[in-house]
Amino acid sequence: MNHPDESWKTFVSYAPDTLNNELNKRAWNDTLTRFALRPSAVDLERYNRFSEFMYQHKIIKTQPKAQDFVPVL
């Protein structure tokens, strides 16, 4: 968020032949405002509710707890 040009370069460095194009550049710019300002601030209860939703709608077969799949720093 603080260094969008630098982060774009890092992103495309993973696969420059496929990622470094106009569509991805536009998508990157549109997505910047959606990046978390505090990425380490995780709401485990929100992830638990999402897990419950997916389980109830038979999207997933088991309902994991957030602490089992969300990295908390």
PDB file of N, CA and C in Angstrom:
ATOM      1  N   MET A   1       0.824  -1.186   0.000  1.00  0.00           N
ATOM      2  CA  MET A   1       0.000   0.000   0.000  1.00  0.00           C
ATOM      3  C   MET A   1       0.870   1.252   0.000  1.00  0.00           C
ATOM      4  N   ASN A   2       1.940   1.210   0.771  1.00  0.00           N
ATOM      5  CA  ASN A   2       2.811   2.380   0.862  1.00  0.00           C
ATOM      6  C   ASN A   2       3.745   2.516  -0.332  1.00  0.00           C
ATOM      7  N   HIS A   3       3.993   1.425  -1.029  1.00  0.00           N
ATOM      8  CA  HIS A   3       4.929   1.433  -2.154  1.00  0.00           C
ATOM      9  C   HIS A   3       4.324   0.659  -3.333  1.00  0.00           C
ATOM     10  N   PRO A   4       3.295   1.215  -3.978  1.00  0.00           N
ATOM     11  CA  PRO A   4       2.587   0.462  -5.023  1.00  0.00           C
ATOM     12  C   PRO A   4       3.458   0.089  -6.216  1.00  0.00           C
ATOM     13  N   ASP A   5       4.345   0.953  -6.634  1.00  0.00           N
ATOM     14  CA  ASP A   5       5.198   0.628  -7.795  1.00  0.00           C
ATOM     15  C   ASP A   5       6.176  -0.490  -7.460  1.00  0.00           C
ATOM     16  N   GLU A   6       6.734  -0.412  -6.267  1.00  0.00           N
ATOM     17  CA  GLU A   6       7.666  -1.438  -5.823  1.00  0.00           C
ATOM     18  C   GLU A   6       6.958  -2.791  -5.683  1.00  0.00           C
ATOM     19  N   SER A   7       5.759  -2.779  -5.115  1.00  0.00           N
ATOM     20  CA  SER A   7       5.030  -4.032  -4.935  1.00  0.00           C
ATOM     21  C   SER A   7       4.574  -4.608  -6.278  1.00  0.00           C
ATOM     22  N   TRP A   8       4.242  -3.740  -7.240  1.00  0.00           N
ATOM     23  CA  TRP A   8       3.901  -4.218  -8.590  1.00  0.00           C
ATOM     24  C   TRP A   8       5.092  -4.955  -9.199  1.00  0.00           C
ATOM     25  N   LYS A   9       6.265  -4.366  -9.071  1.00  0.00           N
ATOM     26  CA  LYS A   9       7.469  -5.002  -9.634  1.00  0.00           C
ATOM     27  C   LYS A   9       7.729  -6.354  -8.980  1.00  0.00           C
ATOM     28  N   THR A  10       7.526  -6.437  -7.683  1.00  0.00           N
ATOM     29  CA  THR A  10       7.705  -7.707  -6.976  1.00  0.00           C
ATOM     30  C   THR A  10       6.690  -8.730  -7.471  1.00  0.00           C
ATOM     31  N   PHE A  11       5.445  -8.305  -7.615  1.00  0.00           N
ATOM     32  CA  PHE A  11       4.380  -9.193  -8.087  1.00  0.00           C
ATOM     33  C   PHE A  11       4.707  -9.767  -9.466  1.00  0.00           C
ATOM     34  N   VAL A  12       5.024  -8.914 -10.429  1.00  0.00           N
ATOM     35  CA  VAL A  12       5.267  -9.412 -11.789  1.00  0.00           C
ATOM     36  C   VAL A  12       6.566 -10.202 -11.895  1.00  0.00           C
ATOM     37  N   SER A  13       7.473 -10.026 -10.935  1.00  0.00           N
ATOM     38  CA  SER A  13       8.735 -10.766 -11.001  1.00  0.00           C
ATOM     39  C   SER A  13       8.528 -12.274 -10.857  1.00  0.00           C
ATOM     40  N   TYR A  14       7.389 -12.695 -10.290  1.00  0.00           N
ATOM     41  CA  TYR A  14       7.124 -14.122 -10.132  1.00  0.00           C
ATOM     42  C   TYR A  14       6.907 -14.815 -11.471  1.00  0.00           C
ATOM     43  N   ALA A  15       6.340 -14.115 -12.434  1.00  0.00           N
ATOM     44  CA  ALA A  15       6.095 -14.684 -13.765  1.00  0.00           C
ATOM     45  C   ALA A  15       5.950 -13.529 -14.756  1.00  0.00           C
ATOM     46  N   PRO A  16       7.045 -12.863 -15.091  1.00  0.00           N
ATOM     47  CA  PRO A  16       6.977 -11.663 -15.920  1.00  0.00           C
ATOM     48  C   PRO A  16       6.322 -11.881 -17.279  1.00  0.00           C
ATOM     49  N   ASP A  17       6.497 -13.049 -17.868  1.00  0.00           N
ATOM     50  CA  ASP A  17       5.930 -13.305 -19.199  1.00  0.00           C
ATOM     51  C   ASP A  17       4.405 -13.356 -19.187  1.00  0.00           C
ATOM     52  N   THR A  18       3.824 -13.746 -18.057  1.00  0.00           N
ATOM     53  CA  THR A  18       2.371 -13.862 -18.006  1.00  0.00           C
ATOM     54  C   THR A  18       1.701 -12.774 -17.169  1.00  0.00           C
ATOM     55  N   LEU A  19       2.404 -12.231 -16.196  1.00  0.00           N
ATOM     56  CA  LEU A  19       1.783 -11.240 -15.308  1.00  0.00           C
ATOM     57  C   LEU A  19       1.955  -9.801 -15.760  1.00  0.00           C
ATOM     58  N   ASN A  20       3.036  -9.508 -16.449  1.00  0.00           N
ATOM     59  CA  ASN A  20       3.347  -8.124 -16.806  1.00  0.00           C
ATOM     60  C   ASN A  20       2.640  -7.740 -18.107  1.00  0.00           C
ATOM     61  N   ASN A  21       1.335  -7.424 -17.963  1.00  0.00           N
ATOM     62  CA  ASN A  21       0.563  -6.996 -19.127  1.00  0.00           C
ATOM     63  C   ASN A  21      -0.423  -5.910 -18.704  1.00  0.00           C
ATOM     64  N   GLU A  22      -1.066  -5.309 -19.672  1.00  0.00           N
ATOM     65  CA  GLU A  22      -1.958  -4.166 -19.405  1.00  0.00           C
ATOM     66  C   GLU A  22      -3.140  -4.551 -18.517  1.00  0.00           C
ATOM     67  N   LEU A  23      -3.729  -5.714 -18.753  1.00  0.00           N
ATOM     68  CA  LEU A  23      -4.884  -6.131 -17.957  1.00  0.00           C
ATOM     69  C   LEU A  23      -4.506  -6.282 -16.481  1.00  0.00           C
ATOM     70  N   ASN A  24      -3.401  -6.959 -16.206  1.00  0.00           N
ATOM     71  CA  ASN A  24      -2.970  -7.136 -14.819  1.00  0.00           C
ATOM     72  C   ASN A  24      -2.565  -5.813 -14.180  1.00  0.00           C
ATOM     73  N   LYS A  25      -1.940  -4.940 -14.942  1.00  0.00           N
ATOM     74  CA  LYS A  25      -1.557  -3.622 -14.414  1.00  0.00           C
ATOM     75  C   LYS A  25      -2.813  -2.847 -13.997  1.00  0.00           C
ATOM     76  N   ARG A  26      -3.837  -2.873 -14.828  1.00  0.00           N
ATOM     77  CA  ARG A  26      -5.090  -2.172 -14.500  1.00  0.00           C
ATOM     78  C   ARG A  26      -5.772  -2.817 -13.293  1.00  0.00           C
ATOM     79  N   ALA A  27      -5.774  -4.140 -13.258  1.00  0.00           N
ATOM     80  CA  ALA A  27      -6.374  -4.847 -12.126  1.00  0.00           C
ATOM     81  C   ALA A  27      -5.610  -4.541 -10.842  1.00  0.00           C
ATOM     82  N   TRP A  28      -4.282  -4.477 -10.945  1.00  0.00           N
ATOM     83  CA  TRP A  28      -3.446  -4.160  -9.783  1.00  0.00           C
ATOM     84  C   TRP A  28      -3.817  -2.785  -9.235  1.00  0.00           C
ATOM     85  N   ASN A  29      -3.904  -1.812 -10.111  1.00  0.00           N
ATOM     86  CA  ASN A  29      -4.243  -0.457  -9.671  1.00  0.00           C
ATOM     87  C   ASN A  29      -5.637  -0.391  -9.060  1.00  0.00           C
ATOM     88  N   ASP A  30      -6.575  -1.136  -9.629  1.00  0.00           N
ATOM     89  CA  ASP A  30      -7.938  -1.159  -9.082  1.00  0.00           C
ATOM     90  C   ASP A  30      -7.992  -1.859  -7.730  1.00  0.00           C
ATOM     91  N   THR A  31      -7.061  -2.770  -7.489  1.00  0.00           N
ATOM     92  CA  THR A  31      -7.057  -3.565  -6.266  1.00  0.00           C
ATOM     93  C   THR A  31      -6.321  -2.885  -5.116  1.00  0.00           C
ATOM     94  N   LEU A  32      -5.458  -1.953  -5.410  1.00  0.00           N
ATOM     95  CA  LEU A  32      -4.644  -1.326  -4.369  1.00  0.00           C
ATOM     96  C   LEU A  32      -5.453  -0.841  -3.177  1.00  0.00           C
ATOM     97  N   THR A  33      -6.590  -0.244  -3.420  1.00  0.00           N
ATOM     98  CA  THR A  33      -7.391   0.287  -2.320  1.00  0.00           C
ATOM     99  C   THR A  33      -8.008  -0.812  -1.460  1.00  0.00           C
ATOM    100  N   ARG A  34      -7.975  -2.061  -1.926  1.00  0.00           N
ATOM    101  CA  ARG A  34      -8.536  -3.176  -1.169  1.00  0.00           C
ATOM    102  C   ARG A  34      -7.506  -3.846  -0.262  1.00  0.00           C
ATOM    103  N   PHE A  35      -6.237  -3.496  -0.422  1.00  0.00           N
ATOM    104  CA  PHE A  35      -5.199  -4.089   0.425  1.00  0.00           C
ATOM    105  C   PHE A  35      -5.369  -3.611   1.859  1.00  0.00           C
ATOM    106  N   ALA A  36      -5.109  -4.485   2.790  1.00  0.00           N
ATOM    107  CA  ALA A  36      -5.249  -4.149   4.199  1.00  0.00           C
ATOM    108  C   ALA A  36      -4.160  -3.175   4.625  1.00  0.00           C
ATOM    109  N   LEU A  37      -4.566  -2.171   5.359  1.00  0.00           N
ATOM    110  CA  LEU A  37      -3.591  -1.236   5.907  1.00  0.00           C
ATOM    111  C   LEU A  37      -2.845  -1.863   7.075  1.00  0.00           C
ATOM    112  N   ARG A  38      -3.496  -2.811   7.728  1.00  0.00           N
ATOM    113  CA  ARG A  38      -2.880  -3.540   8.836  1.00  0.00           C
ATOM    114  C   ARG A  38      -3.041  -5.036   8.573  1.00  0.00           C
ATOM    115  N   PRO A  39      -2.226  -5.617   7.703  1.00  0.00           N
ATOM    116  CA  PRO A  39      -2.424  -7.016   7.310  1.00  0.00           C
ATOM    117  C   PRO A  39      -2.332  -8.004   8.464  1.00  0.00           C
ATOM    118  N   SER A  40      -1.667  -7.647   9.534  1.00  0.00           N
ATOM    119  CA  SER A  40      -1.554  -8.590  10.646  1.00  0.00           C
ATOM    120  C   SER A  40      -2.761  -8.531  11.584  1.00  0.00           C
ATOM    121  N   ALA A  41      -3.666  -7.587  11.370  1.00  0.00           N
ATOM    122  CA  ALA A  41      -4.876  -7.504  12.185  1.00  0.00           C
ATOM    123  C   ALA A  41      -5.920  -8.448  11.604  1.00  0.00           C
ATOM    124  N   VAL A  42      -6.062  -9.610  12.203  1.00  0.00           N
ATOM    125  CA  VAL A  42      -6.943 -10.652  11.684  1.00  0.00           C
ATOM    126  C   VAL A  42      -8.132 -10.819  12.619  1.00  0.00           C
ATOM    127  N   ASP A  43      -9.319 -10.859  12.041  1.00  0.00           N
ATOM    128  CA  ASP A  43     -10.546 -11.101  12.794  1.00  0.00           C
ATOM    129  C   ASP A  43     -10.901 -12.581  12.652  1.00  0.00           C
ATOM    130  N   LEU A  44     -10.449 -13.390  13.601  1.00  0.00           N
ATOM    131  CA  LEU A  44     -10.668 -14.831  13.515  1.00  0.00           C
ATOM    132  C   LEU A  44     -12.151 -15.182  13.513  1.00  0.00           C
ATOM    133  N   GLU A  45     -12.958 -14.443  14.245  1.00  0.00           N
ATOM    134  CA  GLU A  45     -14.395 -14.743  14.279  1.00  0.00           C
ATOM    135  C   GLU A  45     -15.035 -14.546  12.901  1.00  0.00           C
ATOM    136  N   ARG A  46     -14.576 -13.563  12.168  1.00  0.00           N
ATOM    137  CA  ARG A  46     -15.091 -13.341  10.811  1.00  0.00           C
ATOM    138  C   ARG A  46     -14.769 -14.537   9.918  1.00  0.00           C
ATOM    139  N   TYR A  47     -13.543 -15.059  10.029  1.00  0.00           N
ATOM    140  CA  TYR A  47     -13.167 -16.241   9.255  1.00  0.00           C
ATOM    141  C   TYR A  47     -13.959 -17.466   9.703  1.00  0.00           C
ATOM    142  N   ASN A  48     -14.245 -17.567  11.001  1.00  0.00           N
ATOM    143  CA  ASN A  48     -15.068 -18.674  11.490  1.00  0.00           C
ATOM    144  C   ASN A  48     -16.474 -18.613  10.896  1.00  0.00           C
ATOM    145  N   ARG A  49     -17.048 -17.423  10.820  1.00  0.00           N
ATOM    146  CA  ARG A  49     -18.380 -17.276  10.225  1.00  0.00           C
ATOM    147  C   ARG A  49     -18.356 -17.649   8.745  1.00  0.00           C
ATOM    148  N   PHE A  50     -17.298 -17.272   8.047  1.00  0.00           N
ATOM    149  CA  PHE A  50     -17.177 -17.617   6.628  1.00  0.00           C
ATOM    150  C   PHE A  50     -17.047 -19.136   6.459  1.00  0.00           C
ATOM    151  N   SER A  51     -16.269 -19.761   7.311  1.00  0.00           N
ATOM    152  CA  SER A  51     -16.121 -21.213   7.284  1.00  0.00           C
ATOM    153  C   SER A  51     -17.467 -21.881   7.532  1.00  0.00           C
ATOM    154  N   GLU A  52     -18.221 -21.362   8.486  1.00  0.00           N
ATOM    155  CA  GLU A  52     -19.543 -21.915   8.774  1.00  0.00           C
ATOM    156  C   GLU A  52     -20.480 -21.760   7.570  1.00  0.00           C
ATOM    157  N   PHE A  53     -20.451 -20.615   6.936  1.00  0.00           N
ATOM    158  CA  PHE A  53     -21.266 -20.372   5.741  1.00  0.00           C
ATOM    159  C   PHE A  53     -20.938 -21.385   4.645  1.00  0.00           C
ATOM    160  N   MET A  54     -19.654 -21.557   4.370  1.00  0.00           N
ATOM    161  CA  MET A  54     -19.254 -22.491   3.315  1.00  0.00           C
ATOM    162  C   MET A  54     -19.660 -23.918   3.655  1.00  0.00           C
ATOM    163  N   TYR A  55     -19.548 -24.277   4.923  1.00  0.00           N
ATOM    164  CA  TYR A  55     -19.942 -25.620   5.353  1.00  0.00           C
ATOM    165  C   TYR A  55     -21.453 -25.820   5.213  1.00  0.00           C
ATOM    166  N   GLN A  56     -22.224 -24.854   5.670  1.00  0.00           N
ATOM    167  CA  GLN A  56     -23.678 -24.969   5.598  1.00  0.00           C
ATOM    168  C   GLN A  56     -24.188 -25.032   4.158  1.00  0.00           C
ATOM    169  N   HIS A  57     -23.478 -24.399   3.240  1.00  0.00           N
ATOM    170  CA  HIS A  57     -23.884 -24.410   1.830  1.00  0.00           C
ATOM    171  C   HIS A  57     -23.190 -25.513   1.034  1.00  0.00           C
ATOM    172  N   LYS A  58     -22.564 -26.441   1.782  1.00  0.00           N
ATOM    173  CA  LYS A  58     -21.928 -27.619   1.195  1.00  0.00           C
ATOM    174  C   LYS A  58     -20.832 -27.284   0.177  1.00  0.00           C
ATOM    175  N   ILE A  59     -20.170 -26.161   0.422  1.00  0.00           N
ATOM    176  CA  ILE A  59     -19.032 -25.775  -0.410  1.00  0.00           C
ATOM    177  C   ILE A  59     -17.788 -26.528   0.051  1.00  0.00           C
ATOM    178  N   ILE A  60     -17.721 -26.771   1.368  1.00  0.00           N
ATOM    179  CA  ILE A  60     -16.632 -27.554   1.957  1.00  0.00           C
ATOM    180  C   ILE A  60     -17.248 -28.698   2.759  1.00  0.00           C
ATOM    181  N   LYS A  61     -16.495 -29.781   2.921  1.00  0.00           N
ATOM    182  CA  LYS A  61     -17.028 -30.973   3.582  1.00  0.00           C
ATOM    183  C   LYS A  61     -16.836 -30.959   5.094  1.00  0.00           C
ATOM    184  N   THR A  62     -15.842 -30.231   5.570  1.00  0.00           N
ATOM    185  CA  THR A  62     -15.612 -30.099   7.007  1.00  0.00           C
ATOM    186  C   THR A  62     -15.516 -28.615   7.328  1.00  0.00           C
ATOM    187  N   GLN A  63     -15.790 -28.293   8.587  1.00  0.00           N
ATOM    188  CA  GLN A  63     -15.777 -26.888   8.987  1.00  0.00           C
ATOM    189  C   GLN A  63     -14.555 -26.626   9.867  1.00  0.00           C
ATOM    190  N   PRO A  64     -13.485 -26.106   9.275  1.00  0.00           N
ATOM    191  CA  PRO A  64     -12.288 -25.837  10.074  1.00  0.00           C
ATOM    192  C   PRO A  64     -12.460 -24.572  10.916  1.00  0.00           C
ATOM    193  N   LYS A  65     -11.700 -24.493  11.964  1.00  0.00           N
ATOM    194  CA  LYS A  65     -11.646 -23.284  12.784  1.00  0.00           C
ATOM    195  C   LYS A  65     -10.591 -22.348  12.197  1.00  0.00           C
ATOM    196  N   ALA A  66     -10.839 -21.073  12.282  1.00  0.00           N
ATOM    197  CA  ALA A  66      -9.958 -20.075  11.666  1.00  0.00           C
ATOM    198  C   ALA A  66      -8.516 -20.212  12.130  1.00  0.00           C
ATOM    199  N   GLN A  67      -8.312 -20.489  13.400  1.00  0.00           N
ATOM    200  CA  GLN A  67      -6.934 -20.577  13.904  1.00  0.00           C
ATOM    201  C   GLN A  67      -6.147 -21.700  13.245  1.00  0.00           C
ATOM    202  N   ASP A  68      -6.875 -22.631  12.575  1.00  0.00           N
ATOM    203  CA  ASP A  68      -6.190 -23.733  11.884  1.00  0.00           C
ATOM    204  C   ASP A  68      -5.769 -23.382  10.456  1.00  0.00           C
ATOM    205  N   PHE A  69      -6.322 -22.306   9.888  1.00  0.00           N
ATOM    206  CA  PHE A  69      -5.968 -21.981   8.504  1.00  0.00           C
ATOM    207  C   PHE A  69      -5.617 -20.515   8.266  1.00  0.00           C
ATOM    208  N   VAL A  70      -5.728 -19.669   9.270  1.00  0.00           N
ATOM    209  CA  VAL A  70      -5.382 -18.249   9.112  1.00  0.00           C
ATOM    210  C   VAL A  70      -4.106 -17.966   9.897  1.00  0.00           C
ATOM    211  N   PRO A  71      -3.057 -17.550   9.204  1.00  0.00           N
ATOM    212  CA  PRO A  71      -1.834 -17.220   9.937  1.00  0.00           C
ATOM    213  C   PRO A  71      -2.003 -15.944  10.753  1.00  0.00           C
ATOM    214  N   VAL A  72      -1.685 -16.001  12.004  1.00  0.00           N
ATOM    215  CA  VAL A  72      -1.776 -14.838  12.877  1.00  0.00           C
ATOM    216  C   VAL A  72      -0.355 -14.472  13.303  1.00  0.00           C
ATOM    217  N   LEU A  73      -0.002 -13.233  13.045  1.00  0.00           N
ATOM    218  CA  LEU A  73       1.355 -12.793  13.384  1.00  0.00           C
ATOM    219  C   LEU A  73       1.437 -12.323  14.807  1.00  0.00           C
TER     220      LEU A  73
END
